[in-house]
C-alpha atoms as a PDB file:
ATOM      1  CA  UNK A   1      26.771 129.986 170.766  1.00  0.00           C
ATOM      2  CA  UNK A   2      28.660 131.319 167.564  1.00  0.00           C
ATOM      3  CA  UNK A   3      28.734 128.002 165.890  1.00  0.00           C
ATOM      4  CA  UNK A   4      24.987 127.378 166.741  1.00  0.00           C
ATOM      5  CA  UNK A   5      24.082 130.569 165.537  1.00  0.00           C
ATOM      6  CA  UNK A   6      26.055 129.848 162.212  1.00  0.00           C
ATOM      7  CA  UNK A   7      24.197 126.654 161.822  1.00  0.00           C
ATOM      8  CA  UNK A   8      20.717 128.190 162.248  1.00  0.00           C
ATOM      9  CA  UNK A   9      21.703 130.830 159.580  1.00  0.00           C
ATOM     10  CA  UNK A  10      22.624 128.386 157.088  1.00  0.00           C
ATOM     11  CA  UNK A  11      19.442 126.212 157.896  1.00  0.00           C
ATOM     12  CA  UNK A  12      17.402 129.106 157.420  1.00  0.00           C
ATOM     13  CA  UNK A  13      18.989 130.540 154.432  1.00  0.00           C
ATOM     14  CA  UNK A  14      18.933 127.270 152.735  1.00  0.00           C
ATOM     15  CA  UNK A  15      15.207 126.759 153.259  1.00  0.00           C
ATOM     16  CA  UNK A  16      14.330 129.893 152.204  1.00  0.00           C
ATOM     17  CA  UNK A  17      16.419 129.676 148.852  1.00  0.00           C
ATOM     18  CA  UNK A  18      14.809 126.376 148.149  1.00  0.00           C
ATOM     19  CA  UNK A  19      11.228 127.836 148.705  1.00  0.00           C
ATOM     20  CA  UNK A  20       9.935 128.632 145.246  1.00  0.00           C
ATOM     21  CA  UNK A  21       7.918 131.397 146.775  1.00  0.00           C
ATOM     22  CA  UNK A  22      10.772 133.258 148.135  1.00  0.00           C
ATOM     23  CA  UNK A  23      13.782 132.108 146.380  1.00  0.00           C
ATOM     24  CA  UNK A  24      14.018 135.211 144.188  1.00  0.00           C
ATOM     25  CA  UNK A  25      13.711 137.574 147.116  1.00  0.00           C
ATOM     26  CA  UNK A  26      16.764 139.097 148.748  1.00  0.00           C
ATOM     27  CA  UNK A  27      16.611 137.859 152.312  1.00  0.00           C
ATOM     28  CA  UNK A  28      19.701 138.058 154.748  1.00  0.00           C
ATOM     29  CA  UNK A  29      19.409 136.013 157.615  1.00  0.00           C
ATOM     30  CA  UNK A  30      21.510 136.723 160.918  1.00  0.00           C
ATOM     31  CA  UNK A  31      21.330 134.853 164.196  1.00  0.00           C
ATOM     32  CA  UNK A  32      22.258 135.777 167.604  1.00  0.00           C
ATOM     33  CA  UNK A  33      21.868 133.551 170.483  1.00  0.00           C
ATOM     34  CA  UNK A  34      18.988 131.642 168.798  1.00  0.00           C
ATOM     35  CA  UNK A  35      17.233 134.834 167.644  1.00  0.00           C
ATOM     36  CA  UNK A  36      16.871 134.958 163.839  1.00  0.00           C
ATOM     37  CA  UNK A  37      16.823 138.211 162.121  1.00  0.00           C
ATOM     38  CA  UNK A  38      15.155 138.585 158.699  1.00  0.00           C
ATOM     39  CA  UNK A  39      16.205 141.576 156.732  1.00  0.00           C
ATOM     40  CA  UNK A  40      15.492 142.597 152.813  1.00  0.00           C
ATOM     41  CA  UNK A  41      12.807 142.895 150.651  1.00  0.00           C
ATOM     42  CA  UNK A  42       9.602 140.891 149.765  1.00  0.00           C
ATOM     43  CA  UNK A  43       6.880 141.606 147.237  1.00  0.00           C
ATOM     44  CA  UNK A  44       3.930 140.647 149.306  1.00  0.00           C
ATOM     45  CA  UNK A  45       2.614 140.336 152.899  1.00  0.00           C
ATOM     46  CA  UNK A  46       2.305 136.410 152.032  1.00  0.00           C
ATOM     47  CA  UNK A  47       5.986 136.165 151.421  1.00  0.00           C
ATOM     48  CA  UNK A  48       7.046 138.048 154.562  1.00  0.00           C
ATOM     49  CA  UNK A  49       4.646 135.604 156.564  1.00  0.00           C
ATOM     50  CA  UNK A  50       6.098 132.723 154.969  1.00  0.00           C
ATOM     51  CA  UNK A  51       9.885 133.678 155.369  1.00  0.00           C
ATOM     52  CA  UNK A  52       9.081 134.195 159.245  1.00  0.00           C
ATOM     53  CA  UNK A  53       7.127 130.753 159.119  1.00  0.00           C
ATOM     54  CA  UNK A  54      10.227 128.926 157.731  1.00  0.00           C
ATOM     55  CA  UNK A  55      12.635 130.772 160.390  1.00  0.00           C
ATOM     56  CA  UNK A  56      10.069 130.167 163.037  1.00  0.00           C
ATOM     57  CA  UNK A  57       9.905 126.234 162.306  1.00  0.00           C
ATOM     58  CA  UNK A  58      13.652 125.715 162.269  1.00  0.00           C
ATOM     59  CA  UNK A  59      15.120 123.714 164.790  1.00  0.00           C
ATOM     60  CA  UNK A  60      17.010 125.441 167.300  1.00  0.00           C
ATOM     61  CA  UNK A  61      15.006 128.962 166.768  1.00  0.00           C
ATOM     62  CA  UNK A  62      14.029 130.559 170.125  1.00  0.00           C
ATOM     63  CA  UNK A  63      12.425 133.676 168.438  1.00  0.00           C
ATOM     64  CA  UNK A  64      12.261 135.464 164.992  1.00  0.00           C
ATOM     65  CA  UNK A  65      12.667 139.339 164.321  1.00  0.00           C
ATOM     66  CA  UNK A  66      11.079 139.860 161.053  1.00  0.00           C
ATOM     67  CA  UNK A  67      12.361 143.352 159.595  1.00  0.00           C
ATOM     68  CA  UNK A  68      11.321 142.434 155.957  1.00  0.00           C
ATOM     69  CA  UNK A  69       9.985 145.321 153.931  1.00  0.00           C
ATOM     70  CA  UNK A  70       8.274 145.489 150.678  1.00  0.00           C
ATOM     71  CA  UNK A  71       9.483 146.817 147.244  1.00  0.00           C
ATOM     72  CA  UNK A  72       7.925 150.010 146.288  1.00  0.00           C
ATOM     73  CA  UNK A  73       6.187 149.275 142.735  1.00  0.00           C
ATOM     74  CA  UNK A  74       6.111 152.083 140.351  1.00  0.00           C
ATOM     75  CA  UNK A  75       2.809 153.291 139.121  1.00  0.00           C
ATOM     76  CA  UNK A  76       3.935 153.970 135.624  1.00  0.00           C
ATOM     77  CA  UNK A  77       3.271 151.199 133.116  1.00  0.00           C
END
């Protein structure tokens, strides 16, 4: 399973980096037994949804655990 999990992580990570909407977000992907774990920070709920969509639609992924958080923006100008 380790080899398959490594391949899944590479596929998901590459797809996220190639996505212009997500390429600047620090997202880490870990895989275990076909489950993809997404960790890191995004700016919007839409980015969080898109990252999960990419992972879910990657061939071989059985499930996705989306642990992505959001950046806290300062209210100061």
